PDB file of all heavy atoms in Angstrom:
ATOM      1  N   GLY A   1      58.485 237.095 -90.436  1.00  0.00           N
ATOM      2  CA  GLY A   1      59.186 237.284 -91.716  1.00  0.00           C
ATOM      3  C   GLY A   1      58.754 238.482 -92.472  1.00  0.00           C
ATOM      4  O   GLY A   1      59.057 238.610 -93.690  1.00  0.00           O
ATOM      5  N   ASP A   2      58.017 239.390 -91.854  1.00  0.00           N
ATOM      6  CA  ASP A   2      57.449 240.587 -92.527  1.00  0.00           C
ATOM      7  C   ASP A   2      58.552 241.666 -92.665  1.00  0.00           C
ATOM      8  O   ASP A   2      58.626 242.564 -91.833  1.00  0.00           O
ATOM      9  CB  ASP A   2      56.262 241.100 -91.746  1.00  0.00           C
ATOM     10  CG  ASP A   2      55.644 242.339 -92.324  1.00  0.00           C
ATOM     11  OD1 ASP A   2      56.069 242.753 -93.459  1.00  0.00           O
ATOM     12  OD2 ASP A   2      54.782 242.940 -91.684  1.00  0.00           O
ATOM     13  N   LYS A   3      59.285 241.590 -93.753  1.00  0.00           N
ATOM     14  CA  LYS A   3      60.389 242.522 -93.939  1.00  0.00           C
ATOM     15  C   LYS A   3      59.946 243.903 -94.332  1.00  0.00           C
ATOM     16  O   LYS A   3      60.606 244.925 -94.059  1.00  0.00           O
ATOM     17  CB  LYS A   3      61.340 241.950 -95.008  1.00  0.00           C
ATOM     18  CG  LYS A   3      62.733 242.547 -94.988  1.00  0.00           C
ATOM     19  CD  LYS A   3      63.672 241.739 -95.860  1.00  0.00           C
ATOM     20  CE  LYS A   3      65.092 242.176 -95.762  1.00  0.00           C
ATOM     21  NZ  LYS A   3      66.016 241.331 -96.496  1.00  0.00           N
ATOM     22  N   GLU A   4      58.762 243.972 -95.014  1.00  0.00           N
ATOM     23  CA  GLU A   4      58.306 245.294 -95.447  1.00  0.00           C
ATOM     24  C   GLU A   4      57.999 246.208 -94.233  1.00  0.00           C
ATOM     25  O   GLU A   4      58.331 247.408 -94.270  1.00  0.00           O
ATOM     26  CB  GLU A   4      56.998 245.111 -96.306  1.00  0.00           C
ATOM     27  CG  GLU A   4      57.273 244.524 -97.667  1.00  0.00           C
ATOM     28  CD  GLU A   4      58.332 245.255 -98.464  1.00  0.00           C
ATOM     29  OE1 GLU A   4      58.185 246.509 -98.577  1.00  0.00           O
ATOM     30  OE2 GLU A   4      59.310 244.623 -98.915  1.00  0.00           O
ATOM     31  N   THR A   5      57.363 245.650 -93.218  1.00  0.00           N
ATOM     32  CA  THR A   5      57.121 246.445 -92.033  1.00  0.00           C
ATOM     33  C   THR A   5      58.430 246.870 -91.373  1.00  0.00           C
ATOM     34  O   THR A   5      58.573 248.057 -90.961  1.00  0.00           O
ATOM     35  CB  THR A   5      56.283 245.656 -91.013  1.00  0.00           C
ATOM     36  OG1 THR A   5      54.949 245.434 -91.582  1.00  0.00           O
ATOM     37  CG2 THR A   5      56.112 246.394 -89.695  1.00  0.00           C
ATOM     38  N   LEU A   6      59.412 245.994 -91.385  1.00  0.00           N
ATOM     39  CA  LEU A   6      60.723 246.290 -90.837  1.00  0.00           C
ATOM     40  C   LEU A   6      61.333 247.493 -91.585  1.00  0.00           C
ATOM     41  O   LEU A   6      61.852 248.439 -90.962  1.00  0.00           O
ATOM     42  CB  LEU A   6      61.635 245.097 -90.954  1.00  0.00           C
ATOM     43  CG  LEU A   6      62.771 244.964 -89.922  1.00  0.00           C
ATOM     44  CD1 LEU A   6      62.185 244.775 -88.511  1.00  0.00           C
ATOM     45  CD2 LEU A   6      63.665 243.764 -90.304  1.00  0.00           C
ATOM     46  N   LYS A   7      61.238 247.468 -92.904  1.00  0.00           N
ATOM     47  CA  LYS A   7      61.805 248.569 -93.697  1.00  0.00           C
ATOM     48  C   LYS A   7      61.107 249.898 -93.399  1.00  0.00           C
ATOM     49  O   LYS A   7      61.737 250.941 -93.297  1.00  0.00           O
ATOM     50  CB  LYS A   7      61.573 248.265 -95.211  1.00  0.00           C
ATOM     51  CG  LYS A   7      62.582 247.273 -95.808  1.00  0.00           C
ATOM     52  CD  LYS A   7      62.235 247.147 -97.286  1.00  0.00           C
ATOM     53  CE  LYS A   7      63.046 246.066 -97.967  1.00  0.00           C
ATOM     54  NZ  LYS A   7      62.686 245.901 -99.387  1.00  0.00           N
ATOM     55  N   GLU A   8      59.789 249.839 -93.256  1.00  0.00           N
ATOM     56  CA  GLU A   8      59.044 251.068 -93.086  1.00  0.00           C
ATOM     57  C   GLU A   8      59.342 251.772 -91.770  1.00  0.00           C
ATOM     58  O   GLU A   8      59.335 253.015 -91.687  1.00  0.00           O
ATOM     59  CB  GLU A   8      57.547 250.768 -93.210  1.00  0.00           C
ATOM     60  CG  GLU A   8      57.147 250.437 -94.623  1.00  0.00           C
ATOM     61  CD  GLU A   8      55.800 249.691 -94.699  1.00  0.00           C
ATOM     62  OE1 GLU A   8      55.079 249.637 -93.644  1.00  0.00           O
ATOM     63  OE2 GLU A   8      55.449 249.204 -95.766  1.00  0.00           O
ATOM     64  N   VAL A   9      59.563 250.989 -90.747  1.00  0.00           N
ATOM     65  CA  VAL A   9      59.708 251.570 -89.416  1.00  0.00           C
ATOM     66  C   VAL A   9      61.178 251.779 -88.991  1.00  0.00           C
ATOM     67  O   VAL A   9      61.447 252.432 -88.006  1.00  0.00           O
ATOM     68  CB  VAL A   9      58.956 250.765 -88.344  1.00  0.00           C
ATOM     69  CG1 VAL A   9      57.508 250.705 -88.685  1.00  0.00           C
ATOM     70  CG2 VAL A   9      59.547 249.371 -88.131  1.00  0.00           C
ATOM     71  N   TYR A  10      62.102 251.178 -89.727  1.00  0.00           N
ATOM     72  CA  TYR A  10      63.515 251.294 -89.303  1.00  0.00           C
ATOM     73  C   TYR A  10      63.988 252.741 -89.136  1.00  0.00           C
ATOM     74  O   TYR A  10      64.720 253.078 -88.193  1.00  0.00           O
ATOM     75  CB  TYR A  10      64.417 250.497 -90.252  1.00  0.00           C
ATOM     76  CG  TYR A  10      65.871 250.718 -89.936  1.00  0.00           C
ATOM     77  CD1 TYR A  10      66.484 250.080 -88.853  1.00  0.00           C
ATOM     78  CD2 TYR A  10      66.667 251.613 -90.653  1.00  0.00           C
ATOM     79  CE1 TYR A  10      67.788 250.305 -88.495  1.00  0.00           C
ATOM     80  CE2 TYR A  10      67.982 251.815 -90.342  1.00  0.00           C
ATOM     81  CZ  TYR A  10      68.541 251.194 -89.236  1.00  0.00           C
ATOM     82  OH  TYR A  10      69.897 251.434 -88.929  1.00  0.00           O
ATOM     83  N   PRO A  11      63.630 253.649 -90.068  1.00  0.00           N
ATOM     84  CA  PRO A  11      64.091 255.022 -89.895  1.00  0.00           C
ATOM     85  C   PRO A  11      63.675 255.608 -88.564  1.00  0.00           C
ATOM     86  O   PRO A  11      64.386 256.424 -87.950  1.00  0.00           O
ATOM     87  CB  PRO A  11      63.421 255.780 -91.061  1.00  0.00           C
ATOM     88  CG  PRO A  11      63.268 254.728 -92.093  1.00  0.00           C
ATOM     89  CD  PRO A  11      62.906 253.445 -91.356  1.00  0.00           C
ATOM     90  N   ALA A  12      62.481 255.297 -88.058  1.00  0.00           N
ATOM     91  CA  ALA A  12      62.038 255.797 -86.752  1.00  0.00           C
ATOM     92  C   ALA A  12      62.843 255.201 -85.665  1.00  0.00           C
ATOM     93  O   ALA A  12      63.177 255.856 -84.646  1.00  0.00           O
ATOM     94  CB  ALA A  12      60.538 255.475 -86.578  1.00  0.00           C
ATOM     95  N   VAL A  13      63.245 253.920 -85.768  1.00  0.00           N
ATOM     96  CA  VAL A  13      64.095 253.293 -84.814  1.00  0.00           C
ATOM     97  C   VAL A  13      65.434 253.981 -84.699  1.00  0.00           C
ATOM     98  O   VAL A  13      65.910 254.327 -83.641  1.00  0.00           O
ATOM     99  CB  VAL A  13      64.276 251.789 -85.126  1.00  0.00           C
ATOM    100  CG1 VAL A  13      65.299 251.126 -84.212  1.00  0.00           C
ATOM    101  CG2 VAL A  13      62.968 251.049 -85.083  1.00  0.00           C
ATOM    102  N   LYS A  14      66.049 254.226 -85.858  1.00  0.00           N
ATOM    103  CA  LYS A  14      67.347 254.881 -85.910  1.00  0.00           C
ATOM    104  C   LYS A  14      67.266 256.308 -85.311  1.00  0.00           C
ATOM    105  O   LYS A  14      68.150 256.693 -84.561  1.00  0.00           O
ATOM    106  CB  LYS A  14      67.848 254.922 -87.372  1.00  0.00           C
ATOM    107  CG  LYS A  14      69.230 255.540 -87.504  1.00  0.00           C
ATOM    108  CD  LYS A  14      69.720 255.486 -88.967  1.00  0.00           C
ATOM    109  CE  LYS A  14      71.101 256.089 -89.080  1.00  0.00           C
ATOM    110  NZ  LYS A  14      71.600 256.008 -90.492  1.00  0.00           N
ATOM    111  N   LYS A  15      66.219 256.996 -85.653  1.00  0.00           N
ATOM    112  CA  LYS A  15      66.084 258.365 -85.194  1.00  0.00           C
ATOM    113  C   LYS A  15      65.916 258.411 -83.669  1.00  0.00           C
ATOM    114  O   LYS A  15      66.501 259.271 -82.960  1.00  0.00           O
ATOM    115  CB  LYS A  15      64.889 259.015 -85.837  1.00  0.00           C
ATOM    116  CG  LYS A  15      64.677 260.508 -85.587  1.00  0.00           C
ATOM    117  CD  LYS A  15      63.534 261.047 -86.395  1.00  0.00           C
ATOM    118  CE  LYS A  15      63.322 262.550 -86.171  1.00  0.00           C
ATOM    119  NZ  LYS A  15      62.202 263.076 -86.957  1.00  0.00           N
ATOM    120  N   TYR A  16      65.111 257.459 -83.119  1.00  0.00           N
ATOM    121  CA  TYR A  16      64.921 257.490 -81.669  1.00  0.00           C
ATOM    122  C   TYR A  16      66.214 257.113 -80.948  1.00  0.00           C
ATOM    123  O   TYR A  16      66.608 257.727 -79.929  1.00  0.00           O
ATOM    124  CB  TYR A  16      63.838 256.508 -81.298  1.00  0.00           C
ATOM    125  CG  TYR A  16      63.545 256.468 -79.823  1.00  0.00           C
ATOM    126  CD1 TYR A  16      63.080 257.610 -79.139  1.00  0.00           C
ATOM    127  CD2 TYR A  16      63.774 255.322 -79.062  1.00  0.00           C
ATOM    128  CE1 TYR A  16      62.835 257.599 -77.779  1.00  0.00           C
ATOM    129  CE2 TYR A  16      63.543 255.333 -77.685  1.00  0.00           C
ATOM    130  CZ  TYR A  16      63.062 256.459 -77.053  1.00  0.00           C
ATOM    131  OH  TYR A  16      62.852 256.456 -75.681  1.00  0.00           O
ATOM    132  N   LEU A  17      66.943 256.117 -81.436  1.00  0.00           N
ATOM    133  CA  LEU A  17      68.170 255.680 -80.779  1.00  0.00           C
ATOM    134  C   LEU A  17      69.204 256.800 -80.776  1.00  0.00           C
ATOM    135  O   LEU A  17      70.087 256.851 -79.896  1.00  0.00           O
ATOM    136  CB  LEU A  17      68.736 254.428 -81.397  1.00  0.00           C
ATOM    137  CG  LEU A  17      67.967 253.147 -81.026  1.00  0.00           C
ATOM    138  CD1 LEU A  17      68.514 251.953 -81.839  1.00  0.00           C
ATOM    139  CD2 LEU A  17      68.117 252.835 -79.542  1.00  0.00           C
ATOM    140  N   SER A  18      69.153 257.674 -81.786  1.00  0.00           N
ATOM    141  CA  SER A  18      70.131 258.772 -81.831  1.00  0.00           C
ATOM    142  C   SER A  18      69.948 259.746 -80.664  1.00  0.00           C
ATOM    143  O   SER A  18      70.879 260.537 -80.433  1.00  0.00           O
ATOM    144  CB  SER A  18      69.961 259.534 -83.176  1.00  0.00           C
ATOM    145  OG  SER A  18      68.792 260.311 -83.170  1.00  0.00           O
ATOM    146  N   LEU A  19      68.835 259.723 -79.970  1.00  0.00           N
ATOM    147  CA  LEU A  19      68.613 260.583 -78.816  1.00  0.00           C
ATOM    148  C   LEU A  19      69.322 260.109 -77.586  1.00  0.00           C
ATOM    149  O   LEU A  19      69.496 260.881 -76.616  1.00  0.00           O
ATOM    150  CB  LEU A  19      67.096 260.695 -78.545  1.00  0.00           C
ATOM    151  CG  LEU A  19      66.186 261.165 -79.664  1.00  0.00           C
ATOM    152  CD1 LEU A  19      64.749 261.213 -79.166  1.00  0.00           C
ATOM    153  CD2 LEU A  19      66.611 262.558 -80.164  1.00  0.00           C
ATOM    154  N   TRP A  20      69.715 258.855 -77.539  1.00  0.00           N
ATOM    155  CA  TRP A  20      70.335 258.285 -76.357  1.00  0.00           C
ATOM    156  C   TRP A  20      71.843 258.455 -76.367  1.00  0.00           C
ATOM    157  O   TRP A  20      72.500 258.189 -77.385  1.00  0.00           O
ATOM    158  CB  TRP A  20      69.949 256.789 -76.261  1.00  0.00           C
ATOM    159  CG  TRP A  20      68.525 256.596 -75.888  1.00  0.00           C
ATOM    160  CD1 TRP A  20      67.451 256.628 -76.702  1.00  0.00           C
ATOM    161  CD2 TRP A  20      67.997 256.412 -74.593  1.00  0.00           C
ATOM    162  NE1 TRP A  20      66.256 256.433 -76.055  1.00  0.00           N
ATOM    163  CE2 TRP A  20      66.547 256.299 -74.681  1.00  0.00           C
ATOM    164  CE3 TRP A  20      68.570 256.276 -73.320  1.00  0.00           C
ATOM    165  CZ2 TRP A  20      65.731 256.099 -73.593  1.00  0.00           C
ATOM    166  CZ3 TRP A  20      67.722 256.085 -72.215  1.00  0.00           C
ATOM    167  CH2 TRP A  20      66.360 255.973 -72.402  1.00  0.00           C
ATOM    168  N   THR A  21      72.383 258.899 -75.266  1.00  0.00           N
ATOM    169  CA  THR A  21      73.824 259.135 -75.137  1.00  0.00           C
ATOM    170  C   THR A  21      74.390 258.300 -73.967  1.00  0.00           C
ATOM    171  O   THR A  21      73.668 257.691 -73.211  1.00  0.00           O
ATOM    172  CB  THR A  21      74.076 260.637 -74.874  1.00  0.00           C
ATOM    173  OG1 THR A  21      73.346 261.028 -73.683  1.00  0.00           O
ATOM    174  CG2 THR A  21      73.622 261.471 -76.059  1.00  0.00           C
ATOM    175  N   LEU A  22      75.737 258.284 -73.909  1.00  0.00           N
ATOM    176  CA  LEU A  22      76.427 257.523 -72.866  1.00  0.00           C
ATOM    177  C   LEU A  22      77.255 258.404 -71.947  1.00  0.00           C
ATOM    178  O   LEU A  22      77.635 259.500 -72.376  1.00  0.00           O
ATOM    179  CB  LEU A  22      77.355 256.497 -73.527  1.00  0.00           C
ATOM    180  CG  LEU A  22      76.766 255.604 -74.659  1.00  0.00           C
ATOM    181  CD1 LEU A  22      77.816 254.641 -75.174  1.00  0.00           C
ATOM    182  CD2 LEU A  22      75.558 254.856 -74.203  1.00  0.00           C
ATOM    183  N   ASP A  23      77.424 257.983 -70.717  1.00  0.00           N
ATOM    184  CA  ASP A  23      78.296 258.709 -69.779  1.00  0.00           C
ATOM    185  C   ASP A  23      79.737 258.345 -69.989  1.00  0.00           C
ATOM    186  O   ASP A  23      80.057 257.510 -70.879  1.00  0.00           O
ATOM    187  CB  ASP A  23      77.799 258.564 -68.347  1.00  0.00           C
ATOM    188  CG  ASP A  23      77.984 257.134 -67.827  1.00  0.00           C
ATOM    189  OD1 ASP A  23      78.737 256.359 -68.405  1.00  0.00           O
ATOM    190  OD2 ASP A  23      77.351 256.833 -66.800  1.00  0.00           O
ATOM    191  N   ASN A  24      80.635 258.833 -69.130  1.00  0.00           N
ATOM    192  CA  ASN A  24      82.050 258.616 -69.358  1.00  0.00           C
ATOM    193  C   ASN A  24      82.500 257.168 -69.058  1.00  0.00           C
ATOM    194  O   ASN A  24      83.623 256.788 -69.371  1.00  0.00           O
ATOM    195  CB  ASN A  24      82.895 259.573 -68.560  1.00  0.00           C
ATOM    196  CG  ASN A  24      82.609 259.514 -67.051  1.00  0.00           C
ATOM    197  OD1 ASN A  24      81.854 258.641 -66.624  1.00  0.00           O
ATOM    198  ND2 ASN A  24      83.142 260.421 -66.308  1.00  0.00           N
ATOM    199  N   THR A  25      81.616 256.368 -68.445  1.00  0.00           N
ATOM    200  CA  THR A  25      81.906 254.916 -68.258  1.00  0.00           C
ATOM    201  C   THR A  25      81.436 254.066 -69.393  1.00  0.00           C
ATOM    202  O   THR A  25      81.691 252.898 -69.454  1.00  0.00           O
ATOM    203  CB  THR A  25      81.293 254.397 -66.937  1.00  0.00           C
ATOM    204  OG1 THR A  25      79.850 254.315 -67.107  1.00  0.00           O
ATOM    205  CG2 THR A  25      81.603 255.312 -65.780  1.00  0.00           C
ATOM    206  N   GLY A  26      80.620 254.668 -70.285  1.00  0.00           N
ATOM    207  CA  GLY A  26      79.980 253.921 -71.370  1.00  0.00           C
ATOM    208  C   GLY A  26      78.552 253.569 -71.086  1.00  0.00           C
ATOM    209  O   GLY A  26      77.841 253.160 -71.975  1.00  0.00           O
TER     210      GLY A  26
END
């Protein structure tokens, strides 16, 4: 239930996921 840690690291999660792309099948 530690929401503060979630808040602090979420920007890093979003930034990392932005590096991943999909091919033409998805």
